[in-house]
Protein backbone atom coordinates (compact mmCIF):
# COMPACT_ATOMS: atom_id res chain seq x y z
CA UNK A 1 0.00 0.00 0.00
CA UNK A 2 1.27 3.43 -0.89
CA UNK A 3 2.14 6.07 1.68
CA UNK A 4 -0.63 8.43 0.63
CA UNK A 5 -3.29 5.72 0.87
CA UNK A 6 -1.96 4.70 4.28
CA UNK A 7 -2.26 8.33 5.39
CA UNK A 8 -5.80 8.57 4.05
CA UNK A 9 -6.83 5.40 5.89
CA UNK A 10 -5.18 6.63 9.08
CA UNK A 11 -7.21 9.84 8.88
CA UNK A 12 -10.37 7.93 8.00
CA UNK A 13 -9.89 5.70 11.04
CA UNK A 14 -10.40 8.81 13.21
CA UNK A 15 -13.91 9.33 11.85
CA UNK A 16 -17.02 8.01 13.59
CA UNK A 17 -17.84 4.45 12.57
CA UNK A 18 -20.88 5.48 10.51
CA UNK A 19 -18.74 7.91 8.51
CA UNK A 20 -16.10 5.22 8.03
CA UNK A 21 -18.77 2.87 6.71
CA UNK A 22 -20.08 5.54 4.32
CA UNK A 23 -16.55 6.21 3.08
CA UNK A 24 -15.92 2.49 2.62
CA UNK A 25 -19.12 2.06 0.61
CA UNK A 26 -18.19 5.04 -1.56
CA UNK A 27 -14.65 3.72 -2.20
CA UNK A 28 -15.91 0.24 -3.06
CA UNK A 29 -18.58 1.66 -5.39
CA UNK A 30 -15.95 3.81 -7.13
CA UNK A 31 -13.66 0.82 -7.61
CA UNK A 32 -16.49 -1.23 -9.13
CA UNK A 33 -17.44 1.68 -11.39
CA UNK A 34 -13.84 2.17 -12.52
CA UNK A 35 -13.54 -1.54 -13.30
CA UNK A 36 -16.72 -1.39 -15.40
CA UNK A 37 -15.46 1.63 -17.36
CA UNK A 38 -12.12 -0.09 -18.01
CA UNK A 39 -13.87 -3.21 -19.27
CA UNK A 40 -16.26 -1.20 -21.41
CA UNK A 41 -13.43 0.74 -23.07
CA UNK A 42 -11.25 -2.33 -23.45
CA UNK A 43 -14.04 -4.09 -25.32
CA UNK A 44 -15.15 -1.15 -27.47
CA UNK A 45 -12.11 -0.45 -29.63
CA UNK A 46 -13.58 -1.89 -32.83
CA UNK A 47 -16.90 -0.16 -32.28
CA UNK A 48 -15.22 3.20 -31.56
CA UNK A 49 -13.07 2.84 -34.67
CA UNK A 50 -16.17 2.19 -36.77
CA UNK A 51 -17.92 5.25 -35.34
CA UNK A 52 -14.84 7.38 -36.01
CA UNK A 53 -14.73 6.15 -39.61
CA UNK A 54 -18.41 6.99 -40.06
CA UNK A 55 -17.92 10.47 -38.61
CA UNK A 56 -14.94 11.12 -40.87
CA UNK A 57 -16.92 9.99 -43.91
CA UNK A 58 -19.82 12.29 -43.00
CA UNK A 59 -17.39 15.20 -42.57
CA UNK A 60 -15.71 14.53 -45.94
CA UNK A 61 -19.13 14.36 -47.61
CA UNK A 62 -20.14 17.68 -46.10
CA UNK A 63 -22.91 16.18 -43.99
CA UNK A 64 -21.72 17.81 -40.76
CA UNK A 65 -21.89 21.32 -39.38
CA UNK A 66 -19.68 23.23 -36.98
CA UNK A 67 -20.68 23.09 -33.35
CA UNK A 68 -21.16 26.42 -31.62
CA UNK A 69 -20.94 25.82 -27.86
CA UNK A 70 -22.72 29.13 -27.24
CA UNK A 71 -25.81 27.78 -28.98
CA UNK A 72 -26.08 24.60 -26.95
């Protein structure tokens, strides 16, 4: 375990038990979420490449328009 994480856990151990439990639930949920995102991106390379190709084709064919963030 890294020094910073050890420090964070040491500080968290000073919290009331209910706050420690809430923090633990949040950390575990974040880890699960991160794992899902990593798996989703790892398995989407071909699909993302296809979407990029389609977007490039639409741009070359003049079927796109510039995005004005002020008009969103």
